[in-house]
């Protein structure tokens, strides 16, 4: 688990930028955030998501291998393409997760709208009954 300050240091951004990402990508990050005693913690996947959101390479290569390849300068283009491909795949994964979350939110809102419509129908029926009672009382008073 990583605190916001740890995450900001690891990624190399300000804490406020991390908080901004937490707000703008709430649906995406909320399952990877845990608050304990008022302190926000990210799990490993949350850190990876943040790195992707900030456009930072999530490096699965051994750093010594990457350094050796960079020194030899013969595979740097392939490494860059591999890195770019990985970033794009992570972004796709993030977008899929975000779409799933939005689908769940839409389903919940659809249910809420349906319940609200039922409540309105009940209230309209009650108002109609009350209106009939008032009309009958008025008619009896007028006679």
N, C-alpha and C. Protein backbone atom coordinates (compact mmCIF):
# COMPACT_ATOMS: atom_id res chain seq x y z
N UNK A 1 0.84 -1.17 0.00
CA UNK A 1 0.00 0.00 0.00
C UNK A 1 0.89 1.24 0.00
N UNK A 2 0.49 2.22 -0.79
CA UNK A 2 1.26 3.44 -0.94
C UNK A 2 0.42 4.64 -0.53
N UNK A 3 1.00 5.53 0.26
CA UNK A 3 0.33 6.78 0.61
C UNK A 3 0.43 7.72 -0.60
N UNK A 4 -0.40 8.74 -0.60
CA UNK A 4 -0.40 9.70 -1.71
C UNK A 4 0.98 10.33 -1.86
N UNK A 5 1.62 10.63 -0.76
CA UNK A 5 2.96 11.23 -0.83
C UNK A 5 3.96 10.26 -1.46
N UNK A 6 3.83 8.96 -1.12
CA UNK A 6 4.72 7.95 -1.72
C UNK A 6 4.48 7.85 -3.22
N UNK A 7 3.21 7.84 -3.60
CA UNK A 7 2.84 7.74 -5.01
C UNK A 7 3.39 8.94 -5.78
N UNK A 8 3.24 10.13 -5.21
CA UNK A 8 3.72 11.33 -5.91
C UNK A 8 5.23 11.29 -6.11
N UNK A 9 5.95 10.77 -5.11
CA UNK A 9 7.41 10.66 -5.24
C UNK A 9 7.79 9.60 -6.27
N UNK A 10 7.10 8.45 -6.25
CA UNK A 10 7.42 7.38 -7.20
C UNK A 10 7.15 7.78 -8.63
N UNK A 11 6.06 8.51 -8.84
CA UNK A 11 5.69 8.91 -10.20
C UNK A 11 6.43 10.18 -10.62
N UNK A 12 6.79 11.01 -9.63
CA UNK A 12 7.50 12.25 -9.93
C UNK A 12 6.56 13.39 -10.24
N UNK A 13 5.42 13.43 -9.54
CA UNK A 13 4.45 14.51 -9.72
C UNK A 13 4.11 15.08 -8.35
N UNK A 14 3.41 16.21 -8.36
CA UNK A 14 2.98 16.83 -7.10
C UNK A 14 1.80 16.06 -6.51
N UNK A 15 1.66 16.14 -5.18
CA UNK A 15 0.54 15.47 -4.52
C UNK A 15 -0.80 16.00 -5.04
N UNK A 16 -0.85 17.30 -5.33
CA UNK A 16 -2.10 17.88 -5.82
C UNK A 16 -2.51 17.27 -7.15
N UNK A 17 -1.52 16.93 -7.98
CA UNK A 17 -1.83 16.29 -9.26
C UNK A 17 -2.42 14.90 -9.04
N UNK A 18 -1.90 14.19 -8.04
CA UNK A 18 -2.45 12.87 -7.71
C UNK A 18 -3.90 13.02 -7.26
N UNK A 19 -4.16 14.02 -6.40
CA UNK A 19 -5.53 14.24 -5.93
C UNK A 19 -6.45 14.62 -7.10
N UNK A 20 -5.93 15.41 -8.05
CA UNK A 20 -6.74 15.77 -9.21
C UNK A 20 -7.13 14.53 -10.01
N UNK A 21 -6.18 13.61 -10.19
CA UNK A 21 -6.46 12.36 -10.92
C UNK A 21 -7.47 11.53 -10.13
N UNK A 22 -7.36 11.55 -8.80
CA UNK A 22 -8.31 10.81 -7.98
C UNK A 22 -9.72 11.33 -8.18
N UNK A 23 -9.85 12.64 -8.37
CA UNK A 23 -11.17 13.25 -8.56
C UNK A 23 -11.68 13.00 -9.97
N UNK A 24 -10.82 13.26 -10.96
CA UNK A 24 -11.28 13.15 -12.35
C UNK A 24 -11.48 11.70 -12.79
N UNK A 25 -10.81 10.76 -12.16
CA UNK A 25 -10.91 9.35 -12.53
C UNK A 25 -11.40 8.53 -11.34
N UNK A 26 -12.35 9.09 -10.61
CA UNK A 26 -12.86 8.46 -9.38
C UNK A 26 -13.38 7.05 -9.64
N UNK A 27 -14.18 6.88 -10.68
CA UNK A 27 -14.77 5.57 -10.96
C UNK A 27 -13.69 4.53 -11.25
N UNK A 28 -12.63 4.96 -11.86
CA UNK A 28 -11.56 4.06 -12.22
C UNK A 28 -10.68 3.70 -11.03
N UNK A 29 -10.46 4.64 -10.14
CA UNK A 29 -9.50 4.44 -9.05
C UNK A 29 -10.12 3.98 -7.73
N UNK A 30 -11.43 4.16 -7.55
CA UNK A 30 -12.00 3.94 -6.23
C UNK A 30 -11.81 2.52 -5.71
N UNK A 31 -11.76 1.53 -6.60
CA UNK A 31 -11.56 0.16 -6.14
C UNK A 31 -10.11 -0.12 -5.74
N UNK A 32 -9.22 0.82 -6.03
CA UNK A 32 -7.80 0.65 -5.72
C UNK A 32 -7.34 1.57 -4.59
N UNK A 33 -8.31 2.27 -3.99
CA UNK A 33 -7.99 3.23 -2.93
C UNK A 33 -8.57 2.71 -1.61
N UNK A 34 -7.78 2.86 -0.56
CA UNK A 34 -8.24 2.47 0.78
C UNK A 34 -7.87 3.61 1.74
N UNK A 35 -8.85 4.06 2.50
CA UNK A 35 -8.58 5.12 3.47
C UNK A 35 -8.51 4.51 4.86
N UNK A 36 -7.47 4.89 5.58
CA UNK A 36 -7.26 4.38 6.93
C UNK A 36 -6.81 5.53 7.82
N UNK A 37 -7.60 5.82 8.83
CA UNK A 37 -7.31 6.93 9.75
C UNK A 37 -7.11 8.25 8.99
N UNK A 38 -7.91 8.47 7.96
CA UNK A 38 -7.84 9.71 7.21
C UNK A 38 -6.69 9.76 6.21
N UNK A 39 -5.95 8.67 6.06
CA UNK A 39 -4.82 8.63 5.13
C UNK A 39 -5.23 7.76 3.94
N UNK A 40 -5.04 8.30 2.74
CA UNK A 40 -5.40 7.58 1.52
C UNK A 40 -4.24 6.70 1.10
N UNK A 41 -4.55 5.43 0.82
CA UNK A 41 -3.56 4.46 0.36
C UNK A 41 -3.98 3.88 -0.98
N UNK A 42 -3.01 3.64 -1.85
CA UNK A 42 -3.24 2.98 -3.13
C UNK A 42 -2.63 1.59 -3.09
N UNK A 43 -3.32 0.61 -3.71
CA UNK A 43 -2.70 -0.71 -3.85
C UNK A 43 -1.81 -0.70 -5.09
N UNK A 44 -1.19 -1.84 -5.39
CA UNK A 44 -0.26 -1.92 -6.53
C UNK A 44 -0.94 -1.54 -7.85
N UNK A 45 -2.14 -2.08 -8.07
CA UNK A 45 -2.84 -1.81 -9.32
C UNK A 45 -3.20 -0.32 -9.41
N UNK A 46 -3.56 0.28 -8.28
CA UNK A 46 -3.86 1.71 -8.27
C UNK A 46 -2.65 2.53 -8.69
N UNK A 47 -1.46 2.12 -8.22
CA UNK A 47 -0.23 2.79 -8.62
C UNK A 47 -0.01 2.65 -10.12
N UNK A 48 -0.25 1.45 -10.66
CA UNK A 48 -0.08 1.23 -12.09
C UNK A 48 -1.05 2.09 -12.90
N UNK A 49 -2.29 2.16 -12.43
CA UNK A 49 -3.30 2.97 -13.12
C UNK A 49 -2.87 4.43 -13.12
N UNK A 50 -2.41 4.92 -11.97
CA UNK A 50 -1.95 6.31 -11.90
C UNK A 50 -0.77 6.56 -12.83
N UNK A 51 0.16 5.62 -12.87
CA UNK A 51 1.30 5.78 -13.78
C UNK A 51 0.81 5.90 -15.21
N UNK A 52 -0.15 5.06 -15.56
CA UNK A 52 -0.68 5.12 -16.92
C UNK A 52 -1.41 6.43 -17.16
N UNK A 53 -2.17 6.88 -16.18
CA UNK A 53 -2.88 8.15 -16.33
C UNK A 53 -1.92 9.32 -16.51
N UNK A 54 -0.77 9.23 -15.86
CA UNK A 54 0.24 10.29 -16.02
C UNK A 54 1.14 10.03 -17.22
N UNK A 55 0.90 8.92 -17.95
CA UNK A 55 1.67 8.62 -19.15
C UNK A 55 3.07 8.14 -18.85
N UNK A 56 3.26 7.52 -17.70
CA UNK A 56 4.58 7.04 -17.30
C UNK A 56 4.66 5.55 -17.59
N UNK A 57 5.79 5.13 -18.11
CA UNK A 57 5.99 3.73 -18.47
C UNK A 57 5.90 2.85 -17.23
N UNK A 58 5.12 1.79 -17.34
CA UNK A 58 5.11 0.76 -16.30
C UNK A 58 6.11 -0.28 -16.76
N UNK A 59 7.26 -0.24 -16.17
CA UNK A 59 8.40 -1.00 -16.67
C UNK A 59 8.40 -2.42 -16.11
N UNK A 60 8.17 -3.42 -17.00
CA UNK A 60 8.24 -4.81 -16.57
C UNK A 60 9.58 -5.43 -16.98
N UNK A 61 10.38 -4.65 -17.66
CA UNK A 61 11.69 -5.14 -18.04
C UNK A 61 12.66 -5.01 -16.88
N UNK A 62 13.62 -5.88 -16.84
CA UNK A 62 14.69 -5.75 -15.86
C UNK A 62 15.46 -4.48 -16.22
N UNK A 63 15.66 -3.59 -15.26
CA UNK A 63 16.31 -2.30 -15.55
C UNK A 63 17.70 -2.48 -16.14
N UNK A 64 18.41 -3.52 -15.70
CA UNK A 64 19.75 -3.73 -16.24
C UNK A 64 19.68 -4.10 -17.72
N UNK A 65 18.65 -4.85 -18.11
CA UNK A 65 18.49 -5.21 -19.52
C UNK A 65 18.19 -3.97 -20.34
N UNK A 66 17.31 -3.12 -19.83
CA UNK A 66 16.97 -1.89 -20.54
C UNK A 66 18.21 -1.01 -20.69
N UNK A 67 19.01 -0.89 -19.62
CA UNK A 67 20.23 -0.09 -19.70
C UNK A 67 21.21 -0.67 -20.71
N UNK A 68 21.34 -2.00 -20.72
CA UNK A 68 22.26 -2.64 -21.67
C UNK A 68 21.79 -2.40 -23.11
N UNK A 69 20.50 -2.50 -23.33
CA UNK A 69 19.98 -2.25 -24.67
C UNK A 69 20.18 -0.80 -25.08
N UNK A 70 20.01 0.10 -24.14
CA UNK A 70 20.20 1.51 -24.45
C UNK A 70 21.66 1.78 -24.79
N UNK A 71 22.59 1.13 -24.06
CA UNK A 71 24.02 1.33 -24.32
C UNK A 71 24.40 0.79 -25.69
N UNK A 72 23.87 -0.35 -26.05
CA UNK A 72 24.21 -0.93 -27.34
C UNK A 72 23.50 -0.18 -28.47
N UNK A 73 22.41 0.48 -28.13
CA UNK A 73 21.68 1.35 -29.06
C UNK A 73 21.21 0.64 -30.33
N UNK A 74 20.99 -0.68 -30.24
CA UNK A 74 20.49 -1.36 -31.42
C UNK A 74 19.02 -1.75 -31.27
N UNK A 75 18.54 -1.79 -30.06
CA UNK A 75 17.14 -2.19 -29.86
C UNK A 75 16.32 -1.11 -29.18
N UNK A 76 16.88 0.10 -29.12
CA UNK A 76 16.16 1.16 -28.40
C UNK A 76 14.81 1.46 -29.05
N UNK A 77 14.74 1.37 -30.37
CA UNK A 77 13.48 1.63 -31.06
C UNK A 77 12.45 0.55 -30.70
N UNK A 78 12.89 -0.72 -30.65
CA UNK A 78 11.99 -1.81 -30.28
C UNK A 78 11.52 -1.66 -28.84
N UNK A 79 12.41 -1.26 -27.96
CA UNK A 79 12.04 -1.06 -26.55
C UNK A 79 11.00 0.06 -26.45
N UNK A 80 11.23 1.13 -27.20
CA UNK A 80 10.30 2.26 -27.20
C UNK A 80 8.94 1.82 -27.73
N UNK A 81 8.94 1.06 -28.82
CA UNK A 81 7.68 0.57 -29.38
C UNK A 81 6.98 -0.37 -28.39
N UNK A 82 7.77 -1.22 -27.74
CA UNK A 82 7.21 -2.14 -26.73
C UNK A 82 6.59 -1.35 -25.57
N UNK A 83 7.31 -0.33 -25.14
CA UNK A 83 6.82 0.50 -24.05
C UNK A 83 5.53 1.22 -24.46
N UNK A 84 5.53 1.78 -25.66
CA UNK A 84 4.35 2.47 -26.16
C UNK A 84 3.16 1.52 -26.28
N UNK A 85 3.43 0.31 -26.75
CA UNK A 85 2.38 -0.70 -26.88
C UNK A 85 1.82 -1.05 -25.50
N UNK A 86 2.70 -1.20 -24.52
CA UNK A 86 2.27 -1.53 -23.16
C UNK A 86 1.43 -0.40 -22.58
N UNK A 87 1.86 0.83 -22.79
CA UNK A 87 1.09 1.98 -22.29
C UNK A 87 -0.29 2.01 -22.93
N UNK A 88 -0.35 1.77 -24.23
CA UNK A 88 -1.64 1.76 -24.92
C UNK A 88 -2.53 0.64 -24.40
N UNK A 89 -1.96 -0.54 -24.18
CA UNK A 89 -2.74 -1.65 -23.65
C UNK A 89 -3.25 -1.34 -22.24
N UNK A 90 -2.42 -0.70 -21.44
CA UNK A 90 -2.86 -0.30 -20.09
C UNK A 90 -3.99 0.73 -20.18
N UNK A 91 -3.85 1.67 -21.11
CA UNK A 91 -4.91 2.67 -21.28
C UNK A 91 -6.21 2.02 -21.73
N UNK A 92 -6.10 1.05 -22.62
CA UNK A 92 -7.30 0.32 -23.06
C UNK A 92 -7.93 -0.40 -21.89
N UNK A 93 -7.10 -1.03 -21.08
CA UNK A 93 -7.61 -1.73 -19.89
C UNK A 93 -8.30 -0.76 -18.94
N UNK A 94 -7.71 0.39 -18.75
CA UNK A 94 -8.31 1.41 -17.89
C UNK A 94 -9.65 1.86 -18.45
N UNK A 95 -9.70 2.09 -19.76
CA UNK A 95 -10.94 2.52 -20.39
C UNK A 95 -12.03 1.45 -20.29
N UNK A 96 -11.64 0.19 -20.44
CA UNK A 96 -12.62 -0.90 -20.30
C UNK A 96 -13.17 -0.92 -18.88
N UNK A 97 -12.29 -0.79 -17.89
CA UNK A 97 -12.74 -0.75 -16.49
C UNK A 97 -13.66 0.45 -16.26
N UNK A 98 -13.30 1.57 -16.83
CA UNK A 98 -14.10 2.78 -16.68
C UNK A 98 -15.48 2.60 -17.33
N UNK A 99 -15.51 1.96 -18.50
CA UNK A 99 -16.79 1.69 -19.16
C UNK A 99 -17.65 0.74 -18.34
N UNK A 100 -17.03 -0.27 -17.74
CA UNK A 100 -17.78 -1.19 -16.88
C UNK A 100 -18.38 -0.45 -15.70
N UNK A 101 -17.59 0.42 -15.08
CA UNK A 101 -18.10 1.21 -13.96
C UNK A 101 -19.25 2.11 -14.40
N UNK A 102 -19.12 2.73 -15.55
CA UNK A 102 -20.18 3.60 -16.06
C UNK A 102 -21.44 2.79 -16.39
N UNK A 103 -21.27 1.58 -16.92
CA UNK A 103 -22.42 0.72 -17.19
C UNK A 103 -23.16 0.39 -15.89
N UNK A 104 -22.39 0.08 -14.84
CA UNK A 104 -23.02 -0.21 -13.55
C UNK A 104 -23.75 1.01 -13.01
N UNK A 105 -23.14 2.17 -13.15
CA UNK A 105 -23.79 3.40 -12.69
C UNK A 105 -25.08 3.67 -13.48
N UNK A 106 -25.03 3.44 -14.80
CA UNK A 106 -26.22 3.64 -15.62
C UNK A 106 -27.34 2.67 -15.23
N UNK A 107 -26.99 1.43 -14.96
CA UNK A 107 -28.00 0.45 -14.54
C UNK A 107 -28.65 0.89 -13.23
N UNK A 108 -27.82 1.35 -12.31
CA UNK A 108 -28.35 1.82 -11.03
C UNK A 108 -29.26 3.03 -11.24
N UNK A 109 -28.85 3.95 -12.07
CA UNK A 109 -29.66 5.15 -12.33
C UNK A 109 -30.97 4.77 -13.04
N UNK A 110 -30.91 3.78 -13.95
CA UNK A 110 -32.13 3.32 -14.60
C UNK A 110 -33.12 2.76 -13.58
N UNK A 111 -32.61 1.99 -12.63
CA UNK A 111 -33.47 1.45 -11.58
C UNK A 111 -34.06 2.57 -10.73
N UNK A 112 -33.24 3.56 -10.42
CA UNK A 112 -33.72 4.69 -9.63
C UNK A 112 -34.80 5.46 -10.37
N UNK A 113 -34.62 5.66 -11.68
CA UNK A 113 -35.62 6.37 -12.49
C UNK A 113 -36.92 5.58 -12.52
N UNK A 114 -36.81 4.27 -12.68
CA UNK A 114 -38.00 3.42 -12.70
C UNK A 114 -38.76 3.52 -11.37
N UNK A 115 -38.03 3.47 -10.26
CA UNK A 115 -38.67 3.61 -8.95
C UNK A 115 -39.32 4.98 -8.80
N UNK A 116 -38.65 6.01 -9.30
CA UNK A 116 -39.19 7.36 -9.23
C UNK A 116 -40.47 7.48 -10.05
N UNK A 117 -40.47 6.87 -11.24
CA UNK A 117 -41.66 6.89 -12.08
C UNK A 117 -42.82 6.17 -11.40
N UNK A 118 -42.54 5.06 -10.74
CA UNK A 118 -43.59 4.34 -10.02
C UNK A 118 -44.14 5.20 -8.88
N UNK A 119 -43.25 5.87 -8.19
CA UNK A 119 -43.66 6.75 -7.09
C UNK A 119 -44.54 7.88 -7.61
N UNK A 120 -44.17 8.46 -8.74
CA UNK A 120 -44.97 9.54 -9.34
C UNK A 120 -46.35 9.01 -9.73
N UNK A 121 -46.39 7.81 -10.32
CA UNK A 121 -47.67 7.22 -10.72
C UNK A 121 -48.56 7.02 -9.50
N UNK A 122 -47.98 6.53 -8.41
CA UNK A 122 -48.74 6.34 -7.17
C UNK A 122 -49.26 7.68 -6.65
N UNK A 123 -48.41 8.68 -6.66
CA UNK A 123 -48.81 10.00 -6.17
C UNK A 123 -49.91 10.59 -7.05
N UNK A 124 -49.83 10.42 -8.36
CA UNK A 124 -50.87 10.91 -9.26
C UNK A 124 -52.20 10.20 -8.99
N UNK A 125 -52.12 8.91 -8.74
CA UNK A 125 -53.33 8.15 -8.41
C UNK A 125 -53.94 8.66 -7.11
N UNK A 126 -53.11 8.89 -6.10
CA UNK A 126 -53.59 9.44 -4.82
C UNK A 126 -54.21 10.82 -5.02
N UNK A 127 -53.56 11.64 -5.85
CA UNK A 127 -54.10 12.98 -6.10
C UNK A 127 -55.45 12.89 -6.80
N UNK A 128 -55.60 11.96 -7.73
CA UNK A 128 -56.87 11.76 -8.42
C UNK A 128 -57.96 11.35 -7.46
N UNK A 129 -57.63 10.44 -6.54
CA UNK A 129 -58.61 10.01 -5.54
C UNK A 129 -59.01 11.18 -4.65
N UNK A 130 -58.03 11.97 -4.22
CA UNK A 130 -58.33 13.13 -3.39
C UNK A 130 -59.18 14.15 -4.15
N UNK A 131 -58.88 14.33 -5.42
CA UNK A 131 -59.64 15.26 -6.24
C UNK A 131 -61.10 14.79 -6.35
N UNK A 132 -61.31 13.49 -6.53
CA UNK A 132 -62.67 12.94 -6.59
C UNK A 132 -63.41 13.17 -5.28
N UNK A 133 -62.72 12.98 -4.16
CA UNK A 133 -63.33 13.20 -2.85
C UNK A 133 -63.74 14.66 -2.70
N UNK A 134 -62.86 15.56 -3.11
CA UNK A 134 -63.15 17.00 -3.00
C UNK A 134 -64.34 17.37 -3.88
N UNK A 135 -64.36 16.83 -5.10
CA UNK A 135 -65.47 17.11 -6.01
C UNK A 135 -66.79 16.62 -5.42
N UNK A 136 -66.81 15.41 -4.86
CA UNK A 136 -68.02 14.86 -4.24
C UNK A 136 -68.47 15.70 -3.06
N UNK A 137 -67.51 16.15 -2.25
CA UNK A 137 -67.87 17.00 -1.11
C UNK A 137 -68.42 18.33 -1.58
N UNK A 138 -67.85 18.89 -2.61
CA UNK A 138 -68.34 20.15 -3.16
C UNK A 138 -69.75 19.97 -3.71
N UNK A 139 -69.97 18.87 -4.39
CA UNK A 139 -71.31 18.60 -4.95
C UNK A 139 -72.35 18.45 -3.84
N UNK A 140 -71.96 17.78 -2.75
CA UNK A 140 -72.89 17.60 -1.63
C UNK A 140 -73.16 18.92 -0.92
N UNK A 141 -72.18 19.80 -0.87
CA UNK A 141 -72.34 21.10 -0.25
C UNK A 141 -73.23 21.98 -1.12
N UNK A 142 -73.06 21.87 -2.43
CA UNK A 142 -73.83 22.69 -3.38
C UNK A 142 -75.30 22.29 -3.42
N UNK A 143 -75.63 21.08 -3.06
CA UNK A 143 -77.02 20.62 -3.11
C UNK A 143 -77.81 21.11 -2.00
